[in-house]
C-alpha atoms as a PDB file:
ATOM      1  CA  MET A   1      -0.371  78.193  19.616  1.00  0.00           C
ATOM      2  CA  SER A   2      -0.216  74.888  20.446  1.00  0.00           C
ATOM      3  CA  LEU A   3      -1.786  71.965  22.568  1.00  0.00           C
ATOM      4  CA  ASN A   4      -0.492  68.375  23.366  1.00  0.00           C
ATOM      5  CA  ILE A   5      -3.079  66.456  23.819  1.00  0.00           C
ATOM      6  CA  GLY A   6      -2.795  62.889  24.728  1.00  0.00           C
ATOM      7  CA  ARG A   7      -4.061  59.681  26.235  1.00  0.00           C
ATOM      8  CA  ARG A   8      -1.587  57.823  28.706  1.00  0.00           C
ATOM      9  CA  GLY A   9       1.275  59.010  26.827  1.00  0.00           C
ATOM     10  CA  PHE A  10       1.236  62.683  25.224  1.00  0.00           C
ATOM     11  CA  SER A  11      -0.627  65.329  24.230  1.00  0.00           C
ATOM     12  CA  SER A  12      -0.189  69.113  22.850  1.00  0.00           C
ATOM     13  CA  VAL A  13      -1.737  72.417  22.332  1.00  0.00           C
ATOM     14  CA  SER A  14       0.252  74.771  20.382  1.00  0.00           C
ATOM     15  CA  VAL A  15      -0.328  78.531  19.739  1.00  0.00           C
ATOM     16  CA  GLY A  16       1.770  80.440  16.554  1.00  0.00           C
ATOM     17  CA  THR A  17       1.078  83.671  16.641  1.00  0.00           C
ATOM     18  CA  ARG A  18       1.110  84.669  13.167  1.00  0.00           C
ATOM     19  CA  GLY A  19      -1.518  87.100  13.597  1.00  0.00           C
ATOM     20  CA  ALA A  20       0.421  89.710  14.599  1.00  0.00           C
ATOM     21  CA  HIS A  21       3.257  88.583  11.804  1.00  0.00           C
ATOM     22  CA  TYR A  22       1.212  90.603   8.712  1.00  0.00           C
ATOM     23  CA  THR A  23       0.766  93.274  11.121  1.00  0.00           C
ATOM     24  CA  VAL A  24       4.590  94.125  12.195  1.00  0.00           C
ATOM     25  CA  GLY A  25       5.225  93.797   7.937  1.00  0.00           C
ATOM     26  CA  ARG A  26       2.712  96.873   7.393  1.00  0.00           C
ATOM     27  CA  ALA A  27       3.956  98.571  10.498  1.00  0.00           C
ATOM     28  CA  ARG A  28       7.241  98.845   9.526  1.00  0.00           C
ATOM     29  CA  ARG A  29       6.396 100.858   6.344  1.00  0.00           C
ATOM     30  CA  SER A  30       4.260 102.821   8.209  1.00  0.00           C
ATOM     31  CA  ALA A  31       5.291 105.751  10.422  1.00  0.00           C
ATOM     32  CA  CYS A  32       4.456 103.884  13.899  1.00  0.00           C
ATOM     33  CA  PRO A  33       6.464 100.892  14.649  1.00  0.00           C
ATOM     34  CA  VAL A  34       2.993  98.815  15.656  1.00  0.00           C
ATOM     35  CA  PRO A  35      -0.169 100.630  15.249  1.00  0.00           C
ATOM     36  CA  ALA A  36      -2.458 100.889  17.991  1.00  0.00           C
ATOM     37  CA  SER A  37      -5.206  98.849  16.124  1.00  0.00           C
ATOM     38  CA  ALA A  38      -3.217  95.970  15.664  1.00  0.00           C
ATOM     39  CA  ILE A  39      -2.383  95.941  19.238  1.00  0.00           C
ATOM     40  CA  ARG A  40      -6.220  96.011  19.847  1.00  0.00           C
ATOM     41  CA  TRP A  41      -6.603  93.205  17.435  1.00  0.00           C
ATOM     42  CA  ALA A  42      -4.065  90.898  17.779  1.00  0.00           C
ATOM     43  CA  CYS A  43      -4.808  91.453  21.881  1.00  0.00           C
ATOM     44  CA  THR A  44      -8.519  90.695  21.157  1.00  0.00           C
ATOM     45  CA  SER A  45      -8.065  87.360  20.125  1.00  0.00           C
ATOM     46  CA  ILE A  46      -5.164  85.928  21.625  1.00  0.00           C
ATOM     47  CA  PHE A  47      -6.726  86.475  24.725  1.00  0.00           C
ATOM     48  CA  ARG A  48     -10.014  84.940  24.062  1.00  0.00           C
ATOM     49  CA  ILE A  49      -7.746  81.346  23.363  1.00  0.00           C
ATOM     50  CA  LEU A  50      -6.072  82.040  26.034  1.00  0.00           C
ATOM     51  CA  ALA A  51      -9.767  83.081  27.956  1.00  0.00           C
ATOM     52  CA  VAL A  52     -10.416  79.090  27.212  1.00  0.00           C
ATOM     53  CA  LEU A  53      -7.032  77.780  27.885  1.00  0.00           C
ATOM     54  CA  ASP A  54      -7.128  78.754  31.142  1.00  0.00           C
ATOM     55  CA  LYS A  55     -10.311  77.251  31.883  1.00  0.00           C
ATOM     56  CA  TYR A  56      -9.594  73.955  31.026  1.00  0.00           C
ATOM     57  CA  GLY A  57      -6.339  74.039  32.802  1.00  0.00           C
ATOM     58  CA  ILE A  58      -3.857  73.886  29.382  1.00  0.00           C
ATOM     59  CA  THR A  59      -0.553  75.281  29.311  1.00  0.00           C
ATOM     60  CA  PRO A  60      -0.240  76.453  25.749  1.00  0.00           C
ATOM     61  CA  THR A  61       3.746  76.054  23.973  1.00  0.00           C
ATOM     62  CA  LEU A  62       3.294  79.191  22.104  1.00  0.00           C
ATOM     63  CA  ALA A  63       5.415  79.916  19.117  1.00  0.00           C
ATOM     64  CA  LEU A  64       7.452  83.180  18.654  1.00  0.00           C
ATOM     65  CA  ASP A  65       9.109  84.475  15.690  1.00  0.00           C
ATOM     66  CA  ARG A  66      11.319  87.178  15.647  1.00  0.00           C
ATOM     67  CA  ALA A  67       8.955  90.069  14.774  1.00  0.00           C
ATOM     68  CA  VAL A  68       6.781  89.371  17.804  1.00  0.00           C
ATOM     69  CA  ALA A  69       9.088  88.302  19.697  1.00  0.00           C
ATOM     70  CA  ASP A  70      10.788  91.795  19.562  1.00  0.00           C
ATOM     71  CA  HIS A  71       6.963  94.122  19.040  1.00  0.00           C
ATOM     72  CA  TYR A  72       4.785  92.861  21.572  1.00  0.00           C
ATOM     73  CA  PRO A  73       6.127  92.306  24.850  1.00  0.00           C
ATOM     74  CA  THR A  74       2.847  92.231  26.501  1.00  0.00           C
ATOM     75  CA  LEU A  75       1.559  88.811  24.718  1.00  0.00           C
ATOM     76  CA  VAL A  76       5.140  87.454  26.234  1.00  0.00           C
ATOM     77  CA  LYS A  77       4.112  88.330  29.331  1.00  0.00           C
ATOM     78  CA  GLU A  78       0.732  86.917  29.339  1.00  0.00           C
ATOM     79  CA  GLY A  79       2.488  83.828  28.737  1.00  0.00           C
ATOM     80  CA  GLN A  80       4.872  83.765  30.857  1.00  0.00           C
ATOM     81  CA  LYS A  81       2.214  84.620  33.575  1.00  0.00           C
ATOM     82  CA  ARG A  82       0.527  81.273  32.528  1.00  0.00           C
ATOM     83  CA  GLY A  83       3.926  79.093  32.477  1.00  0.00           C
ATOM     84  CA  ALA A  84       3.373  78.864  29.061  1.00  0.00           C
ATOM     85  CA  GLU A  85       6.766  77.274  27.128  1.00  0.00           C
ATOM     86  CA  PHE A  86       7.864  79.285  24.184  1.00  0.00           C
ATOM     87  CA  ILE A  87       9.464  77.694  20.944  1.00  0.00           C
ATOM     88  CA  ALA A  88      10.979  79.489  17.716  1.00  0.00           C
ATOM     89  CA  HIS A  89       9.116  80.217  14.858  1.00  0.00           C
ATOM     90  CA  GLY A  90      11.513  81.681  12.582  1.00  0.00           C
ATOM     91  CA  LEU A  91      11.559  85.694  11.524  1.00  0.00           C
ATOM     92  CA  SER A  92       8.328  86.414  10.403  1.00  0.00           C
ATOM     93  CA  ARG A  93       5.510  85.523   8.238  1.00  0.00           C
ATOM     94  CA  ARG A  94       6.793  86.829   5.284  1.00  0.00           C
ATOM     95  CA  ARG A  95      10.460  85.822   5.626  1.00  0.00           C
ATOM     96  CA  ILE A  96      10.568  81.581   5.440  1.00  0.00           C
ATOM     97  CA  ILE A  97      12.853  79.006   4.476  1.00  0.00           C
ATOM     98  CA  HIS A  98      13.444  78.133   1.673  1.00  0.00           C
ATOM     99  CA  ILE A  99      15.402  76.323  -0.925  1.00  0.00           C
ATOM    100  CA  GLY A 100      17.414  78.954  -2.548  1.00  0.00           C
ATOM    101  CA  MET A 101      19.097  79.781   0.758  1.00  0.00           C
ATOM    102  CA  SER A 102      22.397  78.826   1.536  1.00  0.00           C
ATOM    103  CA  GLU A 103      24.031  76.915   4.507  1.00  0.00           C
ATOM    104  CA  ASP A 104      25.153  79.618   5.660  1.00  0.00           C
ATOM    105  CA  GLU A 105      22.219  81.616   5.196  1.00  0.00           C
ATOM    106  CA  GLU A 106      19.902  79.369   7.099  1.00  0.00           C
ATOM    107  CA  ARG A 107      22.012  78.950  10.015  1.00  0.00           C
ATOM    108  CA  ASP A 108      22.215  82.469  10.395  1.00  0.00           C
ATOM    109  CA  TYR A 109      18.172  82.595   9.787  1.00  0.00           C
ATOM    110  CA  ILE A 110      17.728  79.950  12.657  1.00  0.00           C
ATOM    111  CA  ARG A 111      20.402  81.653  15.004  1.00  0.00           C
ATOM    112  CA  ALA A 112      18.371  84.431  14.967  1.00  0.00           C
ATOM    113  CA  SER A 113      15.019  83.272  15.631  1.00  0.00           C
ATOM    114  CA  ILE A 114      16.544  81.391  18.319  1.00  0.00           C
ATOM    115  CA  ALA A 115      18.016  84.381  19.607  1.00  0.00           C
ATOM    116  CA  ALA A 116      14.863  87.037  19.549  1.00  0.00           C
ATOM    117  CA  VAL A 117      13.013  83.987  21.596  1.00  0.00           C
ATOM    118  CA  GLU A 118      15.771  84.100  24.370  1.00  0.00           C
ATOM    119  CA  ARG A 119      15.808  87.382  24.006  1.00  0.00           C
ATOM    120  CA  ALA A 120      12.129  88.280  25.016  1.00  0.00           C
ATOM    121  CA  THR A 121      11.468  85.972  27.284  1.00  0.00           C
ATOM    122  CA  GLY A 122      15.127  85.001  29.381  1.00  0.00           C
ATOM    123  CA  THR A 123      14.613  81.381  28.199  1.00  0.00           C
ATOM    124  CA  ARG A 124      16.854  79.949  24.914  1.00  0.00           C
ATOM    125  CA  PRO A 125      13.988  77.294  23.113  1.00  0.00           C
ATOM    126  CA  VAL A 126      14.108  73.654  23.152  1.00  0.00           C
ATOM    127  CA  GLY A 127      11.318  73.498  20.066  1.00  0.00           C
ATOM    128  CA  TRP A 128      10.813  74.527  17.200  1.00  0.00           C
ATOM    129  CA  SER A 129       7.971  75.229  14.254  1.00  0.00           C
ATOM    130  CA  GLY A 130       8.913  76.112  10.971  1.00  0.00           C
ATOM    131  CA  PRO A 131       7.221  78.910   9.254  1.00  0.00           C
ATOM    132  CA  ASP A 132       4.403  77.249   7.189  1.00  0.00           C
ATOM    133  CA  PHE A 133       6.226  74.278   8.183  1.00  0.00           C
ATOM    134  CA  GLN A 134       8.817  75.056   5.617  1.00  0.00           C
ATOM    135  CA  GLU A 135      12.518  72.910   5.720  1.00  0.00           C
ATOM    136  CA  THR A 136      15.382  72.500   3.519  1.00  0.00           C
ATOM    137  CA  PRO A 137      17.410  69.200   3.787  1.00  0.00           C
ATOM    138  CA  ASN A 138      20.070  70.660   5.851  1.00  0.00           C
ATOM    139  CA  THR A 139      16.981  72.284   8.326  1.00  0.00           C
ATOM    140  CA  PRO A 140      17.404  69.570  10.909  1.00  0.00           C
ATOM    141  CA  ASN A 141      21.038  69.376  11.090  1.00  0.00           C
ATOM    142  CA  LEU A 142      20.751  73.513  11.586  1.00  0.00           C
ATOM    143  CA  LEU A 143      18.277  73.006  14.801  1.00  0.00           C
ATOM    144  CA  ALA A 144      20.215  70.291  16.062  1.00  0.00           C
ATOM    145  CA  ALA A 145      22.944  72.077  16.449  1.00  0.00           C
ATOM    146  CA  GLU A 146      21.770  74.876  17.552  1.00  0.00           C
ATOM    147  CA  GLY A 147      20.304  73.680  20.793  1.00  0.00           C
ATOM    148  CA  ILE A 148      16.999  73.009  19.283  1.00  0.00           C
ATOM    149  CA  ARG A 149      15.521  69.177  21.144  1.00  0.00           C
ATOM    150  CA  TYR A 150      12.414  68.989  19.051  1.00  0.00           C
ATOM    151  CA  VAL A 151      11.401  69.988  15.554  1.00  0.00           C
ATOM    152  CA  CYS A 152       6.800  70.319  14.508  1.00  0.00           C
ATOM    153  CA  ASP A 153       7.080  70.499  10.920  1.00  0.00           C
ATOM    154  CA  TRP A 154       7.032  66.622  10.580  1.00  0.00           C
ATOM    155  CA  GLY A 155       3.429  65.969  11.173  1.00  0.00           C
ATOM    156  CA  ASN A 156       3.876  61.774   9.287  1.00  0.00           C
ATOM    157  CA  ASP A 157       3.560  59.871  12.207  1.00  0.00           C
ATOM    158  CA  GLU A 158       1.038  59.814  15.862  1.00  0.00           C
ATOM    159  CA  GLN A 159       4.070  59.794  18.321  1.00  0.00           C
ATOM    160  CA  PRO A 160       7.041  61.768  18.950  1.00  0.00           C
ATOM    161  CA  TYR A 161       9.980  59.466  17.474  1.00  0.00           C
ATOM    162  CA  ARG A 162      13.829  60.437  17.505  1.00  0.00           C
ATOM    163  CA  MET A 163      15.717  61.996  14.192  1.00  0.00           C
ATOM    164  CA  THR A 164      19.609  60.775  13.170  1.00  0.00           C
ATOM    165  CA  PRO A 165      21.090  64.532  13.316  1.00  0.00           C
ATOM    166  CA  LYS A 166      24.966  64.972  12.481  1.00  0.00           C
ATOM    167  CA  THR A 167      25.094  66.451  15.819  1.00  0.00           C
ATOM    168  CA  GLY A 168      23.158  66.803  19.190  1.00  0.00           C
ATOM    169  CA  GLU A 169      19.632  65.247  19.595  1.00  0.00           C
ATOM    170  CA  LEU A 170      16.455  66.129  17.565  1.00  0.00           C
ATOM    171  CA  TYR A 171      12.771  64.191  17.764  1.00  0.00           C
ATOM    172  CA  SER A 172       9.697  64.987  15.829  1.00  0.00           C
ATOM    173  CA  LEU A 173       6.915  66.341  17.981  1.00  0.00           C
ATOM    174  CA  GLY A 174       4.628  66.589  14.537  1.00  0.00           C
ATOM    175  CA  VAL A 175       1.608  68.479  13.688  1.00  0.00           C
ATOM    176  CA  ASN A 176      -0.876  67.329  11.322  1.00  0.00           C
ATOM    177  CA  ALA A 177      -1.170  70.238   8.971  1.00  0.00           C
ATOM    178  CA  TYR A 178      -3.691  69.308   7.419  1.00  0.00           C
ATOM    179  CA  LEU A 179      -6.037  69.321  10.810  1.00  0.00           C
ATOM    180  CA  ASP A 180      -4.484  72.998  11.230  1.00  0.00           C
ATOM    181  CA  ASP A 181      -7.141  75.989  12.014  1.00  0.00           C
ATOM    182  CA  ASN A 182      -5.015  77.715   8.678  1.00  0.00           C
ATOM    183  CA  TYR A 183      -5.220  74.823   6.179  1.00  0.00           C
ATOM    184  CA  ILE A 184      -7.937  73.125   6.651  1.00  0.00           C
ATOM    185  CA  HIS A 185     -10.994  76.456   7.727  1.00  0.00           C
ATOM    186  CA  LEU A 186      -9.138  79.283   5.622  1.00  0.00           C
ATOM    187  CA  HIS A 187      -7.053  76.983   2.661  1.00  0.00           C
ATOM    188  CA  GLY A 188      -9.480  73.963   2.569  1.00  0.00           C
ATOM    189  CA  ARG A 189     -12.907  75.991   2.849  1.00  0.00           C
ATOM    190  CA  ARG A 190     -14.531  73.672   5.772  1.00  0.00           C
ATOM    191  CA  THR A 191     -17.147  75.528   7.507  1.00  0.00           C
ATOM    192  CA  ILE A 192     -16.104  76.401  11.391  1.00  0.00           C
ATOM    193  CA  ASN A 193     -18.724  73.616  12.152  1.00  0.00           C
ATOM    194  CA  GLU A 194     -17.280  70.821   9.980  1.00  0.00           C
ATOM    195  CA  VAL A 195     -14.111  71.468  12.198  1.00  0.00           C
ATOM    196  CA  ASN A 196     -15.215  71.641  15.275  1.00  0.00           C
ATOM    197  CA  LEU A 197     -16.925  68.066  14.121  1.00  0.00           C
ATOM    198  CA  LEU A 198     -13.588  67.071  12.306  1.00  0.00           C
ATOM    199  CA  TRP A 199     -11.298  68.205  15.403  1.00  0.00           C
ATOM    200  CA  ARG A 200     -13.562  66.043  17.655  1.00  0.00           C
ATOM    201  CA  GLU A 201     -13.431  63.105  15.819  1.00  0.00           C
ATOM    202  CA  TRP A 202      -9.576  63.309  15.078  1.00  0.00           C
ATOM    203  CA  PHE A 203     -10.013  63.188  18.973  1.00  0.00           C
ATOM    204  CA  ASP A 204     -12.174  60.236  19.291  1.00  0.00           C
ATOM    205  CA  GLY A 205      -9.859  58.411  17.023  1.00  0.00           C
ATOM    206  CA  ILE A 206      -6.013  58.542  18.900  1.00  0.00           C
ATOM    207  CA  TYR A 207      -7.934  58.289  22.209  1.00  0.00           C
ATOM    208  CA  ALA A 208      -9.212  54.875  21.214  1.00  0.00           C
ATOM    209  CA  ASP A 209      -6.259  53.767  19.957  1.00  0.00           C
ATOM    210  CA  GLY A 210      -4.332  55.640  22.718  1.00  0.00           C
ATOM    211  CA  ALA A 211      -5.890  52.642  24.810  1.00  0.00           C
ATOM    212  CA  THR A 212      -2.571  50.786  24.717  1.00  0.00           C
ATOM    213  CA  THR A 213       0.088  53.016  23.519  1.00  0.00           C
ATOM    214  CA  GLY A 214      -0.080  57.085  23.749  1.00  0.00           C
ATOM    215  CA  ARG A 215      -0.696  58.985  21.060  1.00  0.00           C
ATOM    216  CA  LEU A 216      -0.145  62.634  20.407  1.00  0.00           C
ATOM    217  CA  MET A 217      -2.522  65.361  19.491  1.00  0.00           C
ATOM    218  CA  VAL A 218      -1.033  68.721  18.698  1.00  0.00           C
ATOM    219  CA  LEU A 219      -3.891  71.715  18.173  1.00  0.00           C
ATOM    220  CA  HIS A 220      -2.463  73.895  16.084  1.00  0.00           C
ATOM    221  CA  LEU A 221      -4.167  77.234  16.227  1.00  0.00           C
ATOM    222  CA  HIS A 222      -3.617  80.736  15.198  1.00  0.00           C
ATOM    223  CA  PRO A 223      -5.432  83.766  17.336  1.00  0.00           C
ATOM    224  CA  TRP A 224      -6.373  85.640  14.044  1.00  0.00           C
ATOM    225  CA  ILE A 225      -8.422  82.623  13.170  1.00  0.00           C
ATOM    226  CA  MET A 226      -9.911  80.720  16.054  1.00  0.00           C
ATOM    227  CA  GLY A 227      -9.760  83.355  18.350  1.00  0.00           C
ATOM    228  CA  GLN A 228     -12.596  85.345  16.545  1.00  0.00           C
ATOM    229  CA  PRO A 229     -15.787  85.905  18.655  1.00  0.00           C
ATOM    230  CA  TRP A 230     -17.821  83.681  16.088  1.00  0.00           C
ATOM    231  CA  ARG A 231     -15.298  80.815  16.619  1.00  0.00           C
ATOM    232  CA  ILE A 232     -14.309  80.573  19.505  1.00  0.00           C
ATOM    233  CA  ARG A 233     -16.827  78.848  21.115  1.00  0.00           C
ATOM    234  CA  HIS A 234     -15.761  76.146  18.480  1.00  0.00           C
ATOM    235  CA  LEU A 235     -12.494  75.836  20.037  1.00  0.00           C
ATOM    236  CA  GLU A 236     -14.548  76.104  23.540  1.00  0.00           C
ATOM    237  CA  GLU A 237     -16.733  72.842  22.598  1.00  0.00           C
ATOM    238  CA  VAL A 238     -13.730  70.929  21.049  1.00  0.00           C
ATOM    239  CA  LEU A 239     -11.478  71.103  24.396  1.00  0.00           C
ATOM    240  CA  GLY A 240     -14.672  70.853  27.000  1.00  0.00           C
ATOM    241  CA  HIS A 241     -15.202  67.152  24.804  1.00  0.00           C
ATOM    242  CA  ILE A 242     -11.186  66.378  25.101  1.00  0.00           C
ATOM    243  CA  CYS A 243     -10.612  66.863  28.352  1.00  0.00           C
ATOM    244  CA  ALA A 244     -14.465  65.383  30.170  1.00  0.00           C
ATOM    245  CA  ARG A 245     -12.524  62.060  29.189  1.00  0.00           C
ATOM    246  CA  GLN A 246     -10.024  60.235  31.869  1.00  0.00           C
ATOM    247  CA  GLY A 247      -6.263  60.089  31.363  1.00  0.00           C
ATOM    248  CA  VAL A 248      -5.618  62.892  28.733  1.00  0.00           C
ATOM    249  CA  TRP A 249      -2.549  64.657  29.606  1.00  0.00           C
ATOM    250  CA  LYS A 250      -2.527  68.090  28.818  1.00  0.00           C
ATOM    251  CA  ALA A 251       1.098  68.618  28.150  1.00  0.00           C
ATOM    252  CA  THR A 252       4.093  71.649  26.656  1.00  0.00           C
ATOM    253  CA  GLY A 253       6.579  70.154  23.592  1.00  0.00           C
ATOM    254  CA  ARG A 254       9.075  69.647  26.281  1.00  0.00           C
ATOM    255  CA  GLU A 255       6.987  67.809  29.091  1.00  0.00           C
ATOM    256  CA  ILE A 256       6.474  65.135  25.928  1.00  0.00           C
ATOM    257  CA  ILE A 257       9.751  65.048  25.133  1.00  0.00           C
ATOM    258  CA  ASP A 258      11.133  64.849  28.104  1.00  0.00           C
ATOM    259  CA  TRP A 259       8.651  61.965  29.185  1.00  0.00           C
ATOM    260  CA  PHE A 260       9.077  60.845  25.823  1.00  0.00           C
ATOM    261  CA  LYS A 261      13.030  60.390  26.134  1.00  0.00           C
ATOM    262  CA  VAL A 262      12.893  58.474  29.556  1.00  0.00           C
ATOM    263  CA  GLN A 263      10.575  56.355  28.382  1.00  0.00           C
ATOM    264  CA  SER A 264      12.480  55.124  24.928  1.00  0.00           C
ATOM    265  CA  SER A 265      15.998  55.318  26.529  1.00  0.00           C
END
């Protein structure tokens, strides 16, 4: 899941449904396609996050891999009820883009991921978030050739920017991987109280910079992390802090890119 938030410019909240990826992998080796316990676990976590987003009037950008798109129609319907944007997120957490892929293999991978999201939602995605932010030198060109308009894997700027694929158009809507809840909290070993403080200070910094030109804050969330009962209040506190400020645009990824394209043309 992604949340995009910006001042006098752009902002986004992105939510990746990676919590279900591991479950689907295990389920395929079991007699049951998706265990009931897995459905309860995944749904409980993401519904806590959705409830907080609803409270603050935030429309999420939901990153779906093929495993989730194929096996969790209920989650897709919940996103559709909220007008969420769905973007492609690879095949599964255990099947990511890697440098050993040929160009044809990667093209097939990207096409399969896009097709799964379109099949599940009825709309062809225009955004891409690579599992673990992984790419090869071919990835941007292949994404643009398939109609993807923005990619979230390049966290090297606080504003969107236009990339230069061989065909089509492609923009970067970067996720700061070091402030992603998975990287900072689980891998980085920061306590949830530290994450709460760092996210609020992150916002305060770009909000100050955004007084003259818009800044981008993509809050990249995973339901199996931030949707837990002992963490969810921290997300609510952060979003309350953000939404109390004037001039914050709570936008989806596509809305930001559409706006940026007009402004930079």
